[in-house]
C-alpha atoms as a PDB file:
ATOM      1  CA  MET A   1       0.695 -33.808   9.391  1.00  0.00           C
ATOM      2  CA  GLY A   2       2.053 -30.474   9.252  1.00  0.00           C
ATOM      3  CA  GLY A   3       0.511 -27.162   8.210  1.00  0.00           C
ATOM      4  CA  VAL A   4       1.637 -25.045   5.079  1.00  0.00           C
ATOM      5  CA  ALA A   5       4.930 -23.096   5.899  1.00  0.00           C
ATOM      6  CA  GLU A   6       4.400 -19.328   6.584  1.00  0.00           C
ATOM      7  CA  ALA A   7       5.552 -17.337   3.810  1.00  0.00           C
ATOM      8  CA  ALA A   8       8.729 -14.963   3.950  1.00  0.00           C
ATOM      9  CA  VAL A   9       6.729 -12.292   2.277  1.00  0.00           C
ATOM     10  CA  ASN A  10       3.139 -12.322   1.652  1.00  0.00           C
ATOM     11  CA  VAL A  11       1.379  -9.177   0.149  1.00  0.00           C
ATOM     12  CA  GLN A  12      -2.313  -8.559  -1.042  1.00  0.00           C
ATOM     13  CA  GLY A  13      -3.414  -5.672  -3.111  1.00  0.00           C
ATOM     14  CA  LEU A  14      -0.293  -3.708  -2.089  1.00  0.00           C
ATOM     15  CA  THR A  15      -0.543   0.018  -3.524  1.00  0.00           C
ATOM     16  CA  LYS A  16       1.418   3.317  -3.193  1.00  0.00           C
ATOM     17  CA  ARG A  17       0.288   6.510  -4.630  1.00  0.00           C
ATOM     18  CA  PHE A  18       2.024   9.729  -4.653  1.00  0.00           C
ATOM     19  CA  GLY A  19      -0.385  12.381  -5.234  1.00  0.00           C
ATOM     20  CA  GLY A  20      -2.082  11.308  -8.607  1.00  0.00           C
ATOM     21  CA  PHE A  21       0.578   9.088  -9.535  1.00  0.00           C
ATOM     22  CA  THR A  22       0.180   5.501  -8.652  1.00  0.00           C
ATOM     23  CA  ALA A  23       3.868   3.875  -8.336  1.00  0.00           C
ATOM     24  CA  VAL A  24       2.846   0.369  -7.101  1.00  0.00           C
ATOM     25  CA  ASP A  25      -0.889  -0.630  -8.257  1.00  0.00           C
ATOM     26  CA  GLY A  26      -2.422  -3.228  -6.223  1.00  0.00           C
ATOM     27  CA  ILE A  27       0.033  -6.206  -6.275  1.00  0.00           C
ATOM     28  CA  ASP A  28       0.126  -9.528  -4.771  1.00  0.00           C
ATOM     29  CA  LEU A  29       3.240 -11.337  -3.866  1.00  0.00           C
ATOM     30  CA  ARG A  30       4.271 -14.594  -2.044  1.00  0.00           C
ATOM     31  CA  VAL A  31       7.960 -15.304  -1.472  1.00  0.00           C
ATOM     32  CA  GLU A  32       8.575 -18.547   0.170  1.00  0.00           C
ATOM     33  CA  GLN A  33      11.029 -19.246   2.807  1.00  0.00           C
ATOM     34  CA  GLY A  34      14.664 -20.163   1.692  1.00  0.00           C
ATOM     35  CA  GLU A  35      14.026 -19.023  -2.109  1.00  0.00           C
ATOM     36  CA  ILE A  36      15.710 -16.469  -4.126  1.00  0.00           C
ATOM     37  CA  PHE A  37      12.890 -14.354  -5.365  1.00  0.00           C
ATOM     38  CA  GLY A  38      13.442 -12.123  -8.287  1.00  0.00           C
ATOM     39  CA  PHE A  39      11.672  -9.031  -8.872  1.00  0.00           C
ATOM     40  CA  VAL A  40      12.175  -7.888 -12.279  1.00  0.00           C
ATOM     41  CA  GLY A  41      11.174  -4.839 -14.350  1.00  0.00           C
ATOM     42  CA  PRO A  42      12.548  -1.568 -15.997  1.00  0.00           C
ATOM     43  CA  ASN A  43      13.562   1.371 -14.086  1.00  0.00           C
ATOM     44  CA  GLY A  44      10.744   3.180 -12.708  1.00  0.00           C
ATOM     45  CA  SER A  45       8.664   0.299 -12.876  1.00  0.00           C
ATOM     46  CA  GLY A  46       7.788   0.181  -8.722  1.00  0.00           C
ATOM     47  CA  LYS A  47      10.552  -2.122  -7.744  1.00  0.00           C
ATOM     48  CA  SER A  48      12.235   0.095  -5.084  1.00  0.00           C
ATOM     49  CA  THR A  49       8.998   1.437  -3.973  1.00  0.00           C
ATOM     50  CA  THR A  50       7.721  -2.079  -3.232  1.00  0.00           C
ATOM     51  CA  ILE A  51      10.811  -2.691  -1.189  1.00  0.00           C
ATOM     52  CA  ARG A  52      10.605   0.315   0.727  1.00  0.00           C
ATOM     53  CA  MET A  53       6.839  -0.563   1.697  1.00  0.00           C
ATOM     54  CA  LEU A  54       7.880  -4.088   2.923  1.00  0.00           C
ATOM     55  CA  ILE A  55      10.694  -2.776   4.913  1.00  0.00           C
ATOM     56  CA  GLY A  56       8.595  -0.020   6.737  1.00  0.00           C
ATOM     57  CA  LEU A  57      10.270   2.981   4.811  1.00  0.00           C
ATOM     58  CA  LEU A  58       7.092   3.876   3.086  1.00  0.00           C
ATOM     59  CA  THR A  59       3.550   3.388   4.275  1.00  0.00           C
ATOM     60  CA  PRO A  60       1.265   1.673   1.806  1.00  0.00           C
ATOM     61  CA  SER A  61      -1.735   3.745   0.487  1.00  0.00           C
ATOM     62  CA  ALA A  62      -3.852   0.484   0.237  1.00  0.00           C
ATOM     63  CA  GLY A  63      -3.372  -3.134   0.812  1.00  0.00           C
ATOM     64  CA  GLN A  64      -1.690  -5.277   3.328  1.00  0.00           C
ATOM     65  CA  GLY A  65       1.396  -7.158   3.697  1.00  0.00           C
ATOM     66  CA  GLN A  66       3.412  -9.606   6.094  1.00  0.00           C
ATOM     67  CA  VAL A  67       7.127  -9.890   6.337  1.00  0.00           C
ATOM     68  CA  LEU A  68       7.996 -12.938   8.381  1.00  0.00           C
ATOM     69  CA  GLY A  69       4.619 -13.097   9.779  1.00  0.00           C
ATOM     70  CA  LEU A  70       4.892  -9.170  10.874  1.00  0.00           C
ATOM     71  CA  ASN A  71       2.401  -6.530   9.582  1.00  0.00           C
ATOM     72  CA  VAL A  72       4.311  -4.199   7.351  1.00  0.00           C
ATOM     73  CA  VAL A  73       2.401  -1.064   8.559  1.00  0.00           C
ATOM     74  CA  ARG A  74       2.084  -1.864  12.366  1.00  0.00           C
ATOM     75  CA  GLN A  75       5.127  -3.779  13.070  1.00  0.00           C
ATOM     76  CA  ALA A  76       7.572  -2.148  10.773  1.00  0.00           C
ATOM     77  CA  GLU A  77      10.150  -1.615  13.316  1.00  0.00           C
ATOM     78  CA  ALA A  78      10.093  -5.108  14.405  1.00  0.00           C
ATOM     79  CA  ILE A  79      10.554  -6.162  10.839  1.00  0.00           C
ATOM     80  CA  ARG A  80      13.805  -4.184  10.373  1.00  0.00           C
ATOM     81  CA  HIS A  81      15.449  -6.082  13.391  1.00  0.00           C
ATOM     82  CA  HIS A  82      15.042  -9.282  11.251  1.00  0.00           C
ATOM     83  CA  ILE A  83      15.750  -8.522   7.791  1.00  0.00           C
ATOM     84  CA  GLY A  84      18.999  -7.250   5.813  1.00  0.00           C
ATOM     85  CA  TYR A  85      18.663  -4.442   3.419  1.00  0.00           C
ATOM     86  CA  MET A  86      20.893  -3.316   0.441  1.00  0.00           C
ATOM     87  CA  SER A  87      19.769   0.004  -1.263  1.00  0.00           C
ATOM     88  CA  GLN A  88      20.028   0.651  -5.054  1.00  0.00           C
ATOM     89  CA  LYS A  89      22.558   3.516  -3.960  1.00  0.00           C
ATOM     90  CA  PHE A  90      25.647   2.723  -2.432  1.00  0.00           C
ATOM     91  CA  SER A  91      24.895   3.864   1.417  1.00  0.00           C
ATOM     92  CA  LEU A  92      28.186   3.008   3.330  1.00  0.00           C
ATOM     93  CA  TYR A  93      30.620   5.624   4.374  1.00  0.00           C
ATOM     94  CA  ASP A  94      33.570   6.231   1.935  1.00  0.00           C
ATOM     95  CA  GLU A  95      35.510   7.897   4.589  1.00  0.00           C
ATOM     96  CA  LEU A  96      35.348   5.023   7.083  1.00  0.00           C
ATOM     97  CA  SER A  97      37.495   1.793   6.557  1.00  0.00           C
ATOM     98  CA  ALA A  98      35.669  -1.338   5.858  1.00  0.00           C
ATOM     99  CA  GLY A  99      36.128  -2.689   9.425  1.00  0.00           C
ATOM    100  CA  GLU A 100      34.607   0.473  10.676  1.00  0.00           C
ATOM    101  CA  ASN A 101      31.664   0.470   8.349  1.00  0.00           C
ATOM    102  CA  LEU A 102      31.291  -2.970   9.801  1.00  0.00           C
ATOM    103  CA  ALA A 103      31.391  -2.076  13.413  1.00  0.00           C
ATOM    104  CA  PHE A 104      28.947   0.811  12.895  1.00  0.00           C
ATOM    105  CA  TYR A 105      26.479  -1.617  11.569  1.00  0.00           C
ATOM    106  CA  ALA A 106      27.159  -4.275  14.289  1.00  0.00           C
ATOM    107  CA  TYR A 107      26.738  -1.473  16.766  1.00  0.00           C
ATOM    108  CA  ILE A 108      23.456  -0.330  15.401  1.00  0.00           C
ATOM    109  CA  TYR A 109      22.082  -4.028  15.352  1.00  0.00           C
ATOM    110  CA  GLY A 110      23.120  -4.384  19.190  1.00  0.00           C
ATOM    111  CA  LEU A 111      26.203  -6.393  18.847  1.00  0.00           C
ATOM    112  CA  HIS A 112      29.194  -5.540  21.121  1.00  0.00           C
ATOM    113  CA  GLY A 113      32.520  -6.784  22.103  1.00  0.00           C
ATOM    114  CA  ALA A 114      33.896 -10.295  21.149  1.00  0.00           C
ATOM    115  CA  VAL A 115      30.260 -10.956  19.663  1.00  0.00           C
ATOM    116  CA  ALA A 116      30.664  -8.371  17.151  1.00  0.00           C
ATOM    117  CA  ARG A 117      34.021  -9.128  16.514  1.00  0.00           C
ATOM    118  CA  GLN A 118      33.431 -12.871  15.780  1.00  0.00           C
ATOM    119  CA  ARG A 119      30.455 -11.833  13.441  1.00  0.00           C
ATOM    120  CA  MET A 120      32.416  -9.260  11.741  1.00  0.00           C
ATOM    121  CA  ASP A 121      35.131 -11.982  10.918  1.00  0.00           C
ATOM    122  CA  GLU A 122      32.629 -14.480   9.673  1.00  0.00           C
ATOM    123  CA  VAL A 123      30.931 -12.146   7.331  1.00  0.00           C
ATOM    124  CA  LEU A 124      34.102 -10.811   5.888  1.00  0.00           C
ATOM    125  CA  ALA A 125      34.949 -14.518   5.378  1.00  0.00           C
ATOM    126  CA  LEU A 126      31.954 -15.247   3.671  1.00  0.00           C
ATOM    127  CA  VAL A 127      32.054 -12.473   1.056  1.00  0.00           C
ATOM    128  CA  GLU A 128      35.914 -13.167   0.494  1.00  0.00           C
ATOM    129  CA  LEU A 129      36.938  -9.833   1.929  1.00  0.00           C
ATOM    130  CA  ALA A 130      38.927 -11.026   5.176  1.00  0.00           C
ATOM    131  CA  GLY A 131      42.128  -8.894   5.553  1.00  0.00           C
ATOM    132  CA  ILE A 132      40.760  -5.755   4.151  1.00  0.00           C
ATOM    133  CA  GLU A 133      39.347  -4.232   7.406  1.00  0.00           C
ATOM    134  CA  LYS A 134      41.865  -1.281   7.611  1.00  0.00           C
ATOM    135  CA  THR A 135      41.264  -0.270   3.809  1.00  0.00           C
ATOM    136  CA  LEU A 136      39.313   2.881   3.300  1.00  0.00           C
ATOM    137  CA  THR A 137      36.151   2.074   1.656  1.00  0.00           C
ATOM    138  CA  GLN A 138      36.555   4.547  -1.024  1.00  0.00           C
ATOM    139  CA  ALA A 139      39.635   2.618  -2.304  1.00  0.00           C
ATOM    140  CA  LEU A 140      37.644  -0.501  -2.909  1.00  0.00           C
ATOM    141  CA  SER A 141      36.349  -1.472  -6.336  1.00  0.00           C
ATOM    142  CA  THR A 142      32.744  -1.325  -7.193  1.00  0.00           C
ATOM    143  CA  GLY A 143      32.510  -4.988  -6.975  1.00  0.00           C
ATOM    144  CA  TRP A 144      34.013  -5.008  -3.473  1.00  0.00           C
ATOM    145  CA  LYS A 145      32.001  -2.133  -2.281  1.00  0.00           C
ATOM    146  CA  GLN A 146      28.942  -4.062  -3.277  1.00  0.00           C
ATOM    147  CA  ARG A 147      30.408  -7.365  -1.108  1.00  0.00           C
ATOM    148  CA  LEU A 148      31.195  -5.021   1.712  1.00  0.00           C
ATOM    149  CA  ALA A 149      27.768  -3.637   1.740  1.00  0.00           C
ATOM    150  CA  LEU A 150      26.246  -7.124   1.651  1.00  0.00           C
ATOM    151  CA  ALA A 151      28.408  -8.006   4.621  1.00  0.00           C
ATOM    152  CA  CYS A 152      26.799  -4.958   6.410  1.00  0.00           C
ATOM    153  CA  ALA A 153      23.514  -6.350   5.644  1.00  0.00           C
ATOM    154  CA  LEU A 154      24.222  -9.693   7.002  1.00  0.00           C
ATOM    155  CA  ILE A 155      26.226  -8.705  10.264  1.00  0.00           C
ATOM    156  CA  HIS A 156      23.147  -9.331  12.437  1.00  0.00           C
ATOM    157  CA  ALA A 157      22.309 -12.819  10.862  1.00  0.00           C
ATOM    158  CA  PRO A 158      18.948 -11.732   9.234  1.00  0.00           C
ATOM    159  CA  ARG A 159      16.393 -14.636   7.935  1.00  0.00           C
ATOM    160  CA  LEU A 160      15.546 -12.320   4.978  1.00  0.00           C
ATOM    161  CA  LEU A 161      17.670 -10.106   2.673  1.00  0.00           C
ATOM    162  CA  PHE A 162      16.277  -7.430   0.615  1.00  0.00           C
ATOM    163  CA  LEU A 163      18.426  -6.234  -2.168  1.00  0.00           C
ATOM    164  CA  ASP A 164      17.547  -3.653  -4.497  1.00  0.00           C
ATOM    165  CA  GLU A 165      19.417  -3.836  -7.805  1.00  0.00           C
ATOM    166  CA  PRO A 166      22.765  -4.870  -5.973  1.00  0.00           C
ATOM    167  CA  THR A 167      24.916  -5.529  -8.878  1.00  0.00           C
ATOM    168  CA  GLY A 168      24.093  -2.217 -10.984  1.00  0.00           C
ATOM    169  CA  GLY A 169      27.417  -0.734 -12.294  1.00  0.00           C
ATOM    170  CA  VAL A 170      29.122  -3.997 -11.438  1.00  0.00           C
ATOM    171  CA  ASP A 171      31.098  -5.865 -13.992  1.00  0.00           C
ATOM    172  CA  PRO A 172      29.881  -9.220 -15.341  1.00  0.00           C
ATOM    173  CA  LEU A 173      32.548 -11.426 -13.445  1.00  0.00           C
ATOM    174  CA  ALA A 174      31.850  -9.514 -10.148  1.00  0.00           C
ATOM    175  CA  ARG A 175      28.226  -9.890 -10.834  1.00  0.00           C
ATOM    176  CA  ARG A 176      28.522 -13.616 -11.256  1.00  0.00           C
ATOM    177  CA  HIS A 177      30.769 -13.985  -7.989  1.00  0.00           C
ATOM    178  CA  PHE A 178      27.817 -12.028  -6.050  1.00  0.00           C
ATOM    179  CA  TRP A 179      25.172 -14.420  -7.267  1.00  0.00           C
ATOM    180  CA  ASP A 180      27.352 -17.266  -6.015  1.00  0.00           C
ATOM    181  CA  LEU A 181      27.251 -15.544  -2.533  1.00  0.00           C
ATOM    182  CA  LEU A 182      23.779 -15.281  -2.773  1.00  0.00           C
ATOM    183  CA  TYR A 183      23.268 -18.903  -3.508  1.00  0.00           C
ATOM    184  CA  GLN A 184      25.520 -19.803  -0.523  1.00  0.00           C
ATOM    185  CA  LEU A 185      23.210 -17.727   1.747  1.00  0.00           C
ATOM    186  CA  CYS A 186      20.210 -19.588   0.256  1.00  0.00           C
ATOM    187  CA  GLY A 187      21.714 -22.965   1.103  1.00  0.00           C
ATOM    188  CA  GLN A 188      22.167 -21.652   4.689  1.00  0.00           C
ATOM    189  CA  GLY A 189      18.344 -20.966   4.908  1.00  0.00           C
ATOM    190  CA  VAL A 190      18.276 -17.263   4.118  1.00  0.00           C
ATOM    191  CA  THR A 191      15.475 -16.138   1.975  1.00  0.00           C
ATOM    192  CA  VAL A 192      16.546 -13.525  -0.904  1.00  0.00           C
ATOM    193  CA  PHE A 193      14.572 -10.863  -2.492  1.00  0.00           C
ATOM    194  CA  VAL A 194      16.280  -9.272  -5.253  1.00  0.00           C
ATOM    195  CA  THR A 195      15.323  -6.747  -7.679  1.00  0.00           C
ATOM    196  CA  THR A 196      17.037  -6.425 -10.954  1.00  0.00           C
ATOM    197  CA  HIS A 197      16.675  -5.398 -14.660  1.00  0.00           C
ATOM    198  CA  TYR A 198      19.224  -7.950 -15.938  1.00  0.00           C
ATOM    199  CA  MET A 199      17.863 -10.832 -17.795  1.00  0.00           C
ATOM    200  CA  ASP A 200      20.536 -13.111 -17.063  1.00  0.00           C
ATOM    201  CA  GLU A 201      20.345 -12.701 -13.259  1.00  0.00           C
ATOM    202  CA  ALA A 202      16.398 -13.446 -13.585  1.00  0.00           C
ATOM    203  CA  ASP A 203      17.499 -16.668 -14.829  1.00  0.00           C
ATOM    204  CA  TYR A 204      19.384 -17.361 -11.708  1.00  0.00           C
ATOM    205  CA  CYS A 205      15.991 -16.859  -9.472  1.00  0.00           C
ATOM    206  CA  HIS A 206      13.993 -19.712  -8.116  1.00  0.00           C
ATOM    207  CA  HIS A 207      10.884 -17.714  -8.645  1.00  0.00           C
ATOM    208  CA  LEU A 208      10.116 -14.386 -10.543  1.00  0.00           C
ATOM    209  CA  ALA A 209       7.556 -11.613 -10.695  1.00  0.00           C
ATOM    210  CA  PHE A 210       7.848  -9.240 -13.518  1.00  0.00           C
ATOM    211  CA  ILE A 211       6.397  -5.645 -12.825  1.00  0.00           C
ATOM    212  CA  ASN A 212       5.769  -2.867 -15.254  1.00  0.00           C
ATOM    213  CA  GLU A 213       4.230   0.334 -14.614  1.00  0.00           C
ATOM    214  CA  GLY A 214       3.337  -0.708 -11.108  1.00  0.00           C
ATOM    215  CA  LYS A 215       1.305  -3.870 -11.898  1.00  0.00           C
ATOM    216  CA  ILE A 216       2.506  -7.320 -11.784  1.00  0.00           C
ATOM    217  CA  ILE A 217       2.426  -8.944 -15.285  1.00  0.00           C
ATOM    218  CA  ALA A 218       3.893 -12.326 -14.827  1.00  0.00           C
ATOM    219  CA  ASP A 219       4.721 -14.524 -11.728  1.00  0.00           C
ATOM    220  CA  GLY A 220       6.039 -18.031 -11.667  1.00  0.00           C
ATOM    221  CA  PRO A 221       9.446 -20.021 -11.960  1.00  0.00           C
ATOM    222  CA  PRO A 222      11.952 -18.892 -14.754  1.00  0.00           C
ATOM    223  CA  GLU A 223      11.386 -22.153 -16.696  1.00  0.00           C
ATOM    224  CA  ARG A 224       7.642 -21.593 -16.783  1.00  0.00           C
ATOM    225  CA  LEU A 225       7.695 -17.955 -17.558  1.00  0.00           C
ATOM    226  CA  LYS A 226      10.342 -18.755 -20.338  1.00  0.00           C
ATOM    227  CA  ARG A 227       7.921 -21.010 -21.992  1.00  0.00           C
ATOM    228  CA  ASN A 228       5.356 -18.425 -21.926  1.00  0.00           C
ATOM    229  CA  TRP A 229       7.472 -15.614 -23.049  1.00  0.00           C
ATOM    230  CA  GLU A 230       5.345 -15.020 -26.203  1.00  0.00           C
ATOM    231  CA  ALA A 231       2.585 -13.274 -24.207  1.00  0.00           C
ATOM    232  CA  PRO A 232       2.476  -9.771 -25.699  1.00  0.00           C
ATOM    233  CA  ASP A 233       2.558  -7.944 -22.263  1.00  0.00           C
ATOM    234  CA  LEU A 234       5.846 -10.063 -21.298  1.00  0.00           C
ATOM    235  CA  GLU A 235       7.345  -9.672 -24.666  1.00  0.00           C
ATOM    236  CA  ALA A 236       6.928  -5.976 -24.550  1.00  0.00           C
ATOM    237  CA  LEU A 237       8.617  -5.770 -21.321  1.00  0.00           C
ATOM    238  CA  PHE A 238      11.479  -8.086 -22.118  1.00  0.00           C
ATOM    239  CA  ALA A 239      12.147  -5.552 -24.732  1.00  0.00           C
ATOM    240  CA  ARG A 240      12.062  -2.487 -22.321  1.00  0.00           C
ATOM    241  CA  LEU A 241      14.490  -4.765 -20.252  1.00  0.00           C
ATOM    242  CA  VAL A 242      17.009  -5.193 -22.996  1.00  0.00           C
ATOM    243  CA  GLU A 243      16.855  -1.357 -23.856  1.00  0.00           C
ATOM    244  CA  ALA A 244      17.614  -0.754 -20.345  1.00  0.00           C
ATOM    245  CA  GLN A 245      20.695  -2.770 -20.326  1.00  0.00           C
ATOM    246  CA  GLY A 246      21.982  -1.365 -23.470  1.00  0.00           C
END
């Protein structure tokens, strides 16, 4: 009889303080392998700070966590080799072509020659951007830039993707297309940890955690949370999220 599968992300009491300000306040999270996990909350709620601790860009003030079985403090460098990350701010080089951006990320992750070229072709086909390799990144639409950023995050075939508000500023049709890509990746066994403040996107996830003022106030499958949405804390958060979308 097999044991319980190791979680893709498992944290207990994770905390981050900046001086006297607590950005993330003792949160517990468990993300199962192969699921789309939505981390939902208004701007400034602690979503990005949490991701940066999980991928080793920030050291937690307290608590502990594992990503793909690796310790977020002691094994941060190893974690980065097994994950893909899209930051909230578009981080590719506008003055480079789409192909040059991809080639740069392939090099960073140790892919060279024919192996790199094959992988570049694969991810461009996956995000439906084949044929745009010579186009300057600055000439791409916002939606296409986000798909290119996703391709760069996937270049080394990571097992786990961290996406920090990947569809911010993208039109609804492009957002829907982006989520279709995430479902496709999930079907291939990739775990997706995505932050958003769009309520319609929250409904696309297999599991949700709502964060407000650094604390988790609700956690569970979307259907269960919708049945319990009358809870005062959750209702207040919904109101803030709707205001943020306006």
